[in-house]
Amino acid sequence: MNTPEKMELVADLLSVSASELTPETPLKSIDTWDSMAALSLVILLEEQFGRADVGGSEIKRLETVADILALMTSA
């Protein structure tokens, strides 16, 4: 999966347009980044990328869209 496709997944997760996001976008600036979005991200990472190892401590460290993209590429 390429970066634009991953950005689309993040945009869908956050209920925003992909054109509103860049890798540098701070998550705290996105109104829909909340505990439900974080839980949905954990599920997305497991289902789409086989990342069953991502938990609360990793989610708490996320600051930007790039941090989410990094979870989508690292194992």
C-alpha atoms as a PDB file:
ATOM      1  CA  MET A   1       0.000   0.000   0.000  1.00  0.00           C
ATOM      2  CA  ASN A   2       1.431   3.374  -0.987  1.00  0.00           C
ATOM      3  CA  THR A   3       1.436   6.585   1.037  1.00  0.00           C
ATOM      4  CA  PRO A   4      -1.566   8.231  -0.701  1.00  0.00           C
ATOM      5  CA  GLU A   5      -3.628   5.109   0.013  1.00  0.00           C
ATOM      6  CA  LYS A   6      -2.529   5.187   3.644  1.00  0.00           C
ATOM      7  CA  MET A   7      -3.414   8.887   3.851  1.00  0.00           C
ATOM      8  CA  GLU A   8      -6.898   7.992   2.573  1.00  0.00           C
ATOM      9  CA  LEU A   9      -7.244   5.406   5.344  1.00  0.00           C
ATOM     10  CA  VAL A  10      -6.211   7.991   7.939  1.00  0.00           C
ATOM     11  CA  ALA A  11      -8.623  10.541   6.475  1.00  0.00           C
ATOM     12  CA  ASP A  12     -11.468   8.013   6.563  1.00  0.00           C
ATOM     13  CA  LEU A  13     -10.576   7.108  10.124  1.00  0.00           C
ATOM     14  CA  LEU A  14     -10.701  10.770  11.149  1.00  0.00           C
ATOM     15  CA  SER A  15     -13.753  11.621   9.003  1.00  0.00           C
ATOM     16  CA  VAL A  16     -11.909  14.363   7.139  1.00  0.00           C
ATOM     17  CA  SER A  17     -10.867  14.898   3.543  1.00  0.00           C
ATOM     18  CA  ALA A  18      -7.436  13.567   2.636  1.00  0.00           C
ATOM     19  CA  SER A  19      -6.704  16.982   1.137  1.00  0.00           C
ATOM     20  CA  GLU A  20      -6.904  18.432   4.660  1.00  0.00           C
ATOM     21  CA  LEU A  21      -4.077  16.226   5.901  1.00  0.00           C
ATOM     22  CA  THR A  22      -0.340  16.227   5.475  1.00  0.00           C
ATOM     23  CA  PRO A  23       2.123  14.025   7.331  1.00  0.00           C
ATOM     24  CA  GLU A  24       2.968  17.067   9.464  1.00  0.00           C
ATOM     25  CA  THR A  25      -0.639  17.657  10.561  1.00  0.00           C
ATOM     26  CA  PRO A  26      -0.778  17.580  14.371  1.00  0.00           C
ATOM     27  CA  LEU A  27      -3.389  15.126  15.600  1.00  0.00           C
ATOM     28  CA  LYS A  28      -4.425  17.550  18.346  1.00  0.00           C
ATOM     29  CA  SER A  29      -5.568  19.952  15.603  1.00  0.00           C
ATOM     30  CA  ILE A  30      -8.104  17.409  14.295  1.00  0.00           C
ATOM     31  CA  ASP A  31     -11.403  17.598  16.174  1.00  0.00           C
ATOM     32  CA  THR A  32     -12.251  13.973  15.453  1.00  0.00           C
ATOM     33  CA  TRP A  33      -9.002  12.596  16.947  1.00  0.00           C
ATOM     34  CA  ASP A  34     -10.412  11.214  20.174  1.00  0.00           C
ATOM     35  CA  SER A  35     -10.541   7.952  22.100  1.00  0.00           C
ATOM     36  CA  MET A  36     -12.934   6.382  19.592  1.00  0.00           C
ATOM     37  CA  ALA A  37     -10.640   7.306  16.694  1.00  0.00           C
ATOM     38  CA  ALA A  38      -7.693   5.881  18.623  1.00  0.00           C
ATOM     39  CA  LEU A  39      -9.554   2.611  19.179  1.00  0.00           C
ATOM     40  CA  SER A  40     -10.549   2.528  15.514  1.00  0.00           C
ATOM     41  CA  LEU A  41      -6.889   3.054  14.606  1.00  0.00           C
ATOM     42  CA  VAL A  42      -5.839   0.053  16.690  1.00  0.00           C
ATOM     43  CA  ILE A  43      -8.436  -2.078  14.898  1.00  0.00           C
ATOM     44  CA  LEU A  44      -7.392  -0.710  11.483  1.00  0.00           C
ATOM     45  CA  LEU A  45      -3.743  -1.439  12.182  1.00  0.00           C
ATOM     46  CA  GLU A  46      -4.544  -4.996  13.158  1.00  0.00           C
ATOM     47  CA  GLU A  47      -6.920  -5.728  10.280  1.00  0.00           C
ATOM     48  CA  GLN A  48      -5.098  -3.957   7.454  1.00  0.00           C
ATOM     49  CA  PHE A  49      -1.464  -4.236   8.511  1.00  0.00           C
ATOM     50  CA  GLY A  50      -1.312  -7.214  10.876  1.00  0.00           C
ATOM     51  CA  ARG A  51      -0.198  -4.972  13.751  1.00  0.00           C
ATOM     52  CA  ALA A  52      -1.680  -6.731  16.779  1.00  0.00           C
ATOM     53  CA  ASP A  53       1.184  -5.324  18.857  1.00  0.00           C
ATOM     54  CA  VAL A  54      -0.016  -1.692  18.982  1.00  0.00           C
ATOM     55  CA  GLY A  55      -1.491  -0.716  22.321  1.00  0.00           C
ATOM     56  CA  GLY A  56      -2.348   2.284  24.410  1.00  0.00           C
ATOM     57  CA  SER A  57       1.214   3.353  25.121  1.00  0.00           C
ATOM     58  CA  GLU A  58       2.002   3.630  21.396  1.00  0.00           C
ATOM     59  CA  ILE A  59      -1.259   5.454  20.710  1.00  0.00           C
ATOM     60  CA  LYS A  60      -0.536   8.000  23.466  1.00  0.00           C
ATOM     61  CA  ARG A  61       2.796   8.853  21.825  1.00  0.00           C
ATOM     62  CA  LEU A  62       1.197   9.743  18.475  1.00  0.00           C
ATOM     63  CA  GLU A  63       1.508  13.436  17.698  1.00  0.00           C
ATOM     64  CA  THR A  64       1.208  13.774  13.910  1.00  0.00           C
ATOM     65  CA  VAL A  65      -0.283  11.990  10.926  1.00  0.00           C
ATOM     66  CA  ALA A  66       3.278  10.889  10.100  1.00  0.00           C
ATOM     67  CA  ASP A  67       3.344   8.974  13.389  1.00  0.00           C
ATOM     68  CA  ILE A  68       0.266   7.025  12.277  1.00  0.00           C
ATOM     69  CA  LEU A  69       1.823   6.394   8.868  1.00  0.00           C
ATOM     70  CA  ALA A  70       4.931   5.037  10.601  1.00  0.00           C
ATOM     71  CA  LEU A  71       2.803   2.487  12.456  1.00  0.00           C
ATOM     72  CA  MET A  72       1.383   1.404   9.126  1.00  0.00           C
ATOM     73  CA  THR A  73       4.831   0.600   7.774  1.00  0.00           C
ATOM     74  CA  SER A  74       6.777  -0.781  10.730  1.00  0.00           C
ATOM     75  CA  ALA A  75       6.269  -4.203  12.182  1.00  0.00           C
END
